[in-house]
Amino acid sequence: MTAKKANSGGGKIHLKWVRSAICAPVKQKLVVKGLGFTRLNQVIERPDTAAIRGMVAKVPHLVEIVQ
């Protein structure tokens, strides 16, 4: 069997928090916090992994990918 190779030196992804999570469900608030956001309109850099992409997919209305 072949082992999956981890994207160790892979690219980075820039994320921006664009909408408040005040009226969002608790699980979505926890996703935003788990991504590392602390304030609105903040841009952060995270590794481009499947886990981060999955978290962003859970809150596409709150977070956007910045190029």
PDB file of N, CA and C in Angstrom:
ATOM      1  N   MET A   1       0.827  -1.184   0.000  1.00  0.00           N
ATOM      2  CA  MET A   1       0.000   0.000   0.000  1.00  0.00           C
ATOM      3  C   MET A   1       0.874   1.251   0.000  1.00  0.00           C
ATOM      4  N   THR A   2       0.323   2.300  -0.566  1.00  0.00           N
ATOM      5  CA  THR A   2       1.059   3.555  -0.574  1.00  0.00           C
ATOM      6  C   THR A   2       0.534   4.445   0.546  1.00  0.00           C
ATOM      7  N   ALA A   3       1.435   5.084   1.208  1.00  0.00           N
ATOM      8  CA  ALA A   3       1.058   5.976   2.306  1.00  0.00           C
ATOM      9  C   ALA A   3       0.748   7.358   1.752  1.00  0.00           C
ATOM     10  N   LYS A   4      -0.209   8.032   2.373  1.00  0.00           N
ATOM     11  CA  LYS A   4      -0.521   9.396   1.966  1.00  0.00           C
ATOM     12  C   LYS A   4       0.609  10.311   2.394  1.00  0.00           C
ATOM     13  N   LYS A   5       0.981  11.185   1.502  1.00  0.00           N
ATOM     14  CA  LYS A   5       2.026  12.144   1.826  1.00  0.00           C
ATOM     15  C   LYS A   5       1.377  13.402   2.381  1.00  0.00           C
ATOM     16  N   ALA A   6       1.883  13.861   3.476  1.00  0.00           N
ATOM     17  CA  ALA A   6       1.367  15.093   4.078  1.00  0.00           C
ATOM     18  C   ALA A   6       1.920  16.283   3.309  1.00  0.00           C
ATOM     19  N   ASN A   7       1.114  17.312   3.196  1.00  0.00           N
ATOM     20  CA  ASN A   7       1.524  18.527   2.507  1.00  0.00           C
ATOM     21  C   ASN A   7       2.333  19.382   3.479  1.00  0.00           C
ATOM     22  N   SER A   8       3.546  18.908   3.791  1.00  0.00           N
ATOM     23  CA  SER A   8       4.332  19.517   4.850  1.00  0.00           C
ATOM     24  C   SER A   8       4.807  20.922   4.490  1.00  0.00           C
ATOM     25  N   GLY A   9       5.354  21.095   3.316  1.00  0.00           N
ATOM     26  CA  GLY A   9       5.870  22.402   2.935  1.00  0.00           C
ATOM     27  C   GLY A   9       4.926  23.122   2.016  1.00  0.00           C
ATOM     28  N   GLY A  10       3.666  22.723   2.035  1.00  0.00           N
ATOM     29  CA  GLY A  10       2.684  23.234   1.094  1.00  0.00           C
ATOM     30  C   GLY A  10       2.429  24.714   1.227  1.00  0.00           C
ATOM     31  N   GLY A  11       1.489  25.163   0.421  1.00  0.00           N
ATOM     32  CA  GLY A  11       1.182  26.574   0.367  1.00  0.00           C
ATOM     33  C   GLY A  11       0.423  27.068   1.584  1.00  0.00           C
ATOM     34  N   LYS A  12       0.221  28.350   1.570  1.00  0.00           N
ATOM     35  CA  LYS A  12      -0.530  29.018   2.633  1.00  0.00           C
ATOM     36  C   LYS A  12      -1.826  29.540   2.048  1.00  0.00           C
ATOM     37  N   ILE A  13      -2.805  29.708   2.901  1.00  0.00           N
ATOM     38  CA  ILE A  13      -4.091  30.251   2.494  1.00  0.00           C
ATOM     39  C   ILE A  13      -4.392  31.456   3.384  1.00  0.00           C
ATOM     40  N   HIS A  14      -4.826  32.552   2.771  1.00  0.00           N
ATOM     41  CA  HIS A  14      -5.158  33.768   3.506  1.00  0.00           C
ATOM     42  C   HIS A  14      -6.670  33.831   3.660  1.00  0.00           C
ATOM     43  N   LEU A  15      -7.120  33.973   4.884  1.00  0.00           N
ATOM     44  CA  LEU A  15      -8.547  34.007   5.192  1.00  0.00           C
ATOM     45  C   LEU A  15      -8.909  35.345   5.807  1.00  0.00           C
ATOM     46  N   LYS A  16     -10.106  35.828   5.491  1.00  0.00           N
ATOM     47  CA  LYS A  16     -10.600  37.078   6.059  1.00  0.00           C
ATOM     48  C   LYS A  16     -11.972  36.838   6.654  1.00  0.00           C
ATOM     49  N   TRP A  17     -12.151  37.308   7.886  1.00  0.00           N
ATOM     50  CA  TRP A  17     -13.435  37.215   8.577  1.00  0.00           C
ATOM     51  C   TRP A  17     -14.256  38.424   8.145  1.00  0.00           C
ATOM     52  N   VAL A  18     -15.358  38.198   7.406  1.00  0.00           N
ATOM     53  CA  VAL A  18     -16.088  39.299   6.785  1.00  0.00           C
ATOM     54  C   VAL A  18     -17.462  39.577   7.391  1.00  0.00           C
ATOM     55  N   ARG A  19     -17.999  38.636   8.153  1.00  0.00           N
ATOM     56  CA  ARG A  19     -19.334  38.848   8.715  1.00  0.00           C
ATOM     57  C   ARG A  19     -19.365  38.380  10.158  1.00  0.00           C
ATOM     58  N   SER A  20     -20.064  39.119  10.992  1.00  0.00           N
ATOM     59  CA  SER A  20     -20.136  38.812  12.411  1.00  0.00           C
ATOM     60  C   SER A  20     -20.802  37.470  12.665  1.00  0.00           C
ATOM     61  N   ALA A  21     -20.365  36.813  13.717  1.00  0.00           N
ATOM     62  CA  ALA A  21     -20.925  35.512  14.096  1.00  0.00           C
ATOM     63  C   ALA A  21     -21.910  35.639  15.255  1.00  0.00           C
ATOM     64  N   ILE A  22     -22.447  36.827  15.477  1.00  0.00           N
ATOM     65  CA  ILE A  22     -23.347  37.042  16.605  1.00  0.00           C
ATOM     66  C   ILE A  22     -24.594  36.160  16.497  1.00  0.00           C
ATOM     67  N   CYS A  23     -25.223  36.125  15.327  1.00  0.00           N
ATOM     68  CA  CYS A  23     -26.448  35.348  15.161  1.00  0.00           C
ATOM     69  C   CYS A  23     -26.185  33.934  14.660  1.00  0.00           C
ATOM     70  N   ALA A  24     -24.934  33.558  14.555  1.00  0.00           N
ATOM     71  CA  ALA A  24     -24.589  32.222  14.058  1.00  0.00           C
ATOM     72  C   ALA A  24     -24.752  31.197  15.179  1.00  0.00           C
ATOM     73  N   PRO A  25     -25.008  29.944  14.805  1.00  0.00           N
ATOM     74  CA  PRO A  25     -25.075  28.883  15.820  1.00  0.00           C
ATOM     75  C   PRO A  25     -23.728  28.708  16.537  1.00  0.00           C
ATOM     76  N   VAL A  26     -23.777  28.118  17.699  1.00  0.00           N
ATOM     77  CA  VAL A  26     -22.584  27.966  18.531  1.00  0.00           C
ATOM     78  C   VAL A  26     -21.490  27.187  17.804  1.00  0.00           C
ATOM     79  N   LYS A  27     -21.852  26.159  17.058  1.00  0.00           N
ATOM     80  CA  LYS A  27     -20.850  25.375  16.337  1.00  0.00           C
ATOM     81  C   LYS A  27     -20.093  26.224  15.323  1.00  0.00           C
ATOM     82  N   GLN A  28     -20.794  27.137  14.660  1.00  0.00           N
ATOM     83  CA  GLN A  28     -20.134  28.003  13.689  1.00  0.00           C
ATOM     84  C   GLN A  28     -19.236  29.016  14.390  1.00  0.00           C
ATOM     85  N   LYS A  29     -19.647  29.497  15.543  1.00  0.00           N
ATOM     86  CA  LYS A  29     -18.796  30.400  16.319  1.00  0.00           C
ATOM     87  C   LYS A  29     -17.511  29.695  16.723  1.00  0.00           C
ATOM     88  N   LEU A  30     -17.615  28.429  17.091  1.00  0.00           N
ATOM     89  CA  LEU A  30     -16.437  27.662  17.485  1.00  0.00           C
ATOM     90  C   LEU A  30     -15.503  27.412  16.305  1.00  0.00           C
ATOM     91  N   VAL A  31     -16.056  27.261  15.110  1.00  0.00           N
ATOM     92  CA  VAL A  31     -15.221  27.092  13.920  1.00  0.00           C
ATOM     93  C   VAL A  31     -14.429  28.364  13.654  1.00  0.00           C
ATOM     94  N   VAL A  32     -15.085  29.514  13.757  1.00  0.00           N
ATOM     95  CA  VAL A  32     -14.400  30.790  13.537  1.00  0.00           C
ATOM     96  C   VAL A  32     -13.288  30.974  14.570  1.00  0.00           C
ATOM     97  N   LYS A  33     -13.575  30.642  15.809  1.00  0.00           N
ATOM     98  CA  LYS A  33     -12.569  30.746  16.866  1.00  0.00           C
ATOM     99  C   LYS A  33     -11.438  29.739  16.636  1.00  0.00           C
ATOM    100  N   GLY A  34     -11.790  28.550  16.179  1.00  0.00           N
ATOM    101  CA  GLY A  34     -10.795  27.523  15.918  1.00  0.00           C
ATOM    102  C   GLY A  34      -9.855  27.886  14.783  1.00  0.00           C
ATOM    103  N   LEU A  35     -10.347  28.671  13.832  1.00  0.00           N
ATOM    104  CA  LEU A  35      -9.478  29.136  12.758  1.00  0.00           C
ATOM    105  C   LEU A  35      -8.467  30.160  13.263  1.00  0.00           C
ATOM    106  N   GLY A  36      -8.764  30.796  14.383  1.00  0.00           N
ATOM    107  CA  GLY A  36      -7.831  31.739  14.977  1.00  0.00           C
ATOM    108  C   GLY A  36      -8.215  33.194  14.843  1.00  0.00           C
ATOM    109  N   PHE A  37      -9.437  33.454  14.450  1.00  0.00           N
ATOM    110  CA  PHE A  37      -9.879  34.843  14.320  1.00  0.00           C
ATOM    111  C   PHE A  37     -10.178  35.434  15.693  1.00  0.00           C
ATOM    112  N   THR A  38      -9.830  36.711  15.859  1.00  0.00           N
ATOM    113  CA  THR A  38     -10.122  37.410  17.103  1.00  0.00           C
ATOM    114  C   THR A  38     -10.982  38.649  16.882  1.00  0.00           C
ATOM    115  N   ARG A  39     -10.994  39.194  15.659  1.00  0.00           N
ATOM    116  CA  ARG A  39     -11.804  40.384  15.392  1.00  0.00           C
ATOM    117  C   ARG A  39     -12.250  40.393  13.932  1.00  0.00           C
ATOM    118  N   LEU A  40     -13.296  41.132  13.666  1.00  0.00           N
ATOM    119  CA  LEU A  40     -13.882  41.230  12.344  1.00  0.00           C
ATOM    120  C   LEU A  40     -12.918  41.914  11.374  1.00  0.00           C
ATOM    121  N   ASN A  41     -12.969  41.542  10.116  1.00  0.00           N
ATOM    122  CA  ASN A  41     -12.114  42.055   9.033  1.00  0.00           C
ATOM    123  C   ASN A  41     -10.639  41.725   9.226  1.00  0.00           C
ATOM    124  N   GLN A  42     -10.358  40.765  10.051  1.00  0.00           N
ATOM    125  CA  GLN A  42      -8.983  40.327  10.277  1.00  0.00           C
ATOM    126  C   GLN A  42      -8.592  39.350   9.170  1.00  0.00           C
ATOM    127  N   VAL A  43      -7.363  39.472   8.685  1.00  0.00           N
ATOM    128  CA  VAL A  43      -6.828  38.552   7.686  1.00  0.00           C
ATOM    129  C   VAL A  43      -5.756  37.715   8.361  1.00  0.00           C
ATOM    130  N   ILE A  44      -5.894  36.392   8.249  1.00  0.00           N
ATOM    131  CA  ILE A  44      -4.926  35.492   8.853  1.00  0.00           C
ATOM    132  C   ILE A  44      -4.378  34.556   7.782  1.00  0.00           C
ATOM    133  N   GLU A  45      -3.242  33.946   8.071  1.00  0.00           N
ATOM    134  CA  GLU A  45      -2.609  33.007   7.159  1.00  0.00           C
ATOM    135  C   GLU A  45      -2.551  31.646   7.831  1.00  0.00           C
ATOM    136  N   ARG A  46      -3.046  30.636   7.144  1.00  0.00           N
ATOM    137  CA  ARG A  46      -3.058  29.277   7.662  1.00  0.00           C
ATOM    138  C   ARG A  46      -2.489  28.350   6.598  1.00  0.00           C
ATOM    139  N   PRO A  47      -1.996  27.181   6.992  1.00  0.00           N
ATOM    140  CA  PRO A  47      -1.536  26.215   5.989  1.00  0.00           C
ATOM    141  C   PRO A  47      -2.713  25.715   5.157  1.00  0.00           C
ATOM    142  N   ASP A  48      -2.469  25.483   3.885  1.00  0.00           N
ATOM    143  CA  ASP A  48      -3.521  25.039   2.976  1.00  0.00           C
ATOM    144  C   ASP A  48      -3.671  23.527   3.086  1.00  0.00           C
ATOM    145  N   THR A  49      -4.429  23.096   4.097  1.00  0.00           N
ATOM    146  CA  THR A  49      -4.655  21.671   4.327  1.00  0.00           C
ATOM    147  C   THR A  49      -6.136  21.361   4.192  1.00  0.00           C
ATOM    148  N   ALA A  50      -6.441  20.083   4.120  1.00  0.00           N
ATOM    149  CA  ALA A  50      -7.833  19.660   4.007  1.00  0.00           C
ATOM    150  C   ALA A  50      -8.636  20.041   5.246  1.00  0.00           C
ATOM    151  N   ALA A  51      -8.000  20.023   6.413  1.00  0.00           N
ATOM    152  CA  ALA A  51      -8.699  20.372   7.652  1.00  0.00           C
ATOM    153  C   ALA A  51      -9.124  21.841   7.647  1.00  0.00           C
ATOM    154  N   ILE A  52      -8.227  22.712   7.242  1.00  0.00           N
ATOM    155  CA  ILE A  52      -8.539  24.148   7.195  1.00  0.00           C
ATOM    156  C   ILE A  52      -9.597  24.411   6.126  1.00  0.00           C
ATOM    157  N   ARG A  53      -9.466  23.772   4.967  1.00  0.00           N
ATOM    158  CA  ARG A  53     -10.455  23.938   3.906  1.00  0.00           C
ATOM    159  C   ARG A  53     -11.834  23.459   4.365  1.00  0.00           C
ATOM    160  N   GLY A  54     -11.876  22.392   5.145  1.00  0.00           N
ATOM    161  CA  GLY A  54     -13.141  21.890   5.666  1.00  0.00           C
ATOM    162  C   GLY A  54     -13.775  22.844   6.652  1.00  0.00           C
ATOM    163  N   MET A  55     -12.940  23.481   7.487  1.00  0.00           N
ATOM    164  CA  MET A  55     -13.464  24.462   8.438  1.00  0.00           C
ATOM    165  C   MET A  55     -14.039  25.665   7.700  1.00  0.00           C
ATOM    166  N   VAL A  56     -13.353  26.111   6.657  1.00  0.00           N
ATOM    167  CA  VAL A  56     -13.840  27.244   5.871  1.00  0.00           C
ATOM    168  C   VAL A  56     -15.134  26.867   5.163  1.00  0.00           C
ATOM    169  N   ALA A  57     -15.252  25.637   4.728  1.00  0.00           N
ATOM    170  CA  ALA A  57     -16.469  25.190   4.047  1.00  0.00           C
ATOM    171  C   ALA A  57     -17.677  25.175   4.982  1.00  0.00           C
ATOM    172  N   LYS A  58     -17.449  25.071   6.285  1.00  0.00           N
ATOM    173  CA  LYS A  58     -18.546  25.080   7.258  1.00  0.00           C
ATOM    174  C   LYS A  58     -19.108  26.479   7.484  1.00  0.00           C
ATOM    175  N   VAL A  59     -18.306  27.509   7.228  1.00  0.00           N
ATOM    176  CA  VAL A  59     -18.750  28.888   7.463  1.00  0.00           C
ATOM    177  C   VAL A  59     -18.437  29.779   6.251  1.00  0.00           C
ATOM    178  N   PRO A  60     -18.897  29.416   5.057  1.00  0.00           N
ATOM    179  CA  PRO A  60     -18.547  30.226   3.878  1.00  0.00           C
ATOM    180  C   PRO A  60     -19.204  31.606   3.878  1.00  0.00           C
ATOM    181  N   HIS A  61     -20.268  31.766   4.658  1.00  0.00           N
ATOM    182  CA  HIS A  61     -20.950  33.052   4.731  1.00  0.00           C
ATOM    183  C   HIS A  61     -20.291  34.005   5.720  1.00  0.00           C
ATOM    184  N   LEU A  62     -19.361  33.511   6.529  1.00  0.00           N
ATOM    185  CA  LEU A  62     -18.682  34.340   7.516  1.00  0.00           C
ATOM    186  C   LEU A  62     -17.225  34.626   7.146  1.00  0.00           C
ATOM    187  N   VAL A  63     -16.629  33.719   6.387  1.00  0.00           N
ATOM    188  CA  VAL A  63     -15.198  33.789   6.085  1.00  0.00           C
ATOM    189  C   VAL A  63     -15.007  33.720   4.581  1.00  0.00           C
ATOM    190  N   GLU A  64     -14.026  34.469   4.066  1.00  0.00           N
ATOM    191  CA  GLU A  64     -13.709  34.370   2.644  1.00  0.00           C
ATOM    192  C   GLU A  64     -12.215  34.150   2.472  1.00  0.00           C
ATOM    193  N   ILE A  65     -11.876  33.533   1.356  1.00  0.00           N
ATOM    194  CA  ILE A  65     -10.482  33.309   1.009  1.00  0.00           C
ATOM    195  C   ILE A  65      -9.989  34.511   0.225  1.00  0.00           C
ATOM    196  N   VAL A  66      -8.894  35.120   0.697  1.00  0.00           N
ATOM    197  CA  VAL A  66      -8.329  36.315   0.066  1.00  0.00           C
ATOM    198  C   VAL A  66      -7.132  35.882  -0.763  1.00  0.00           C
ATOM    199  N   GLN A  67      -7.020  36.449  -1.939  1.00  0.00           N
ATOM    200  CA  GLN A  67      -5.888  36.103  -2.795  1.00  0.00           C
ATOM    201  C   GLN A  67      -4.775  37.097  -2.658  1.00  0.00           C
TER     202      GLN A  67
END
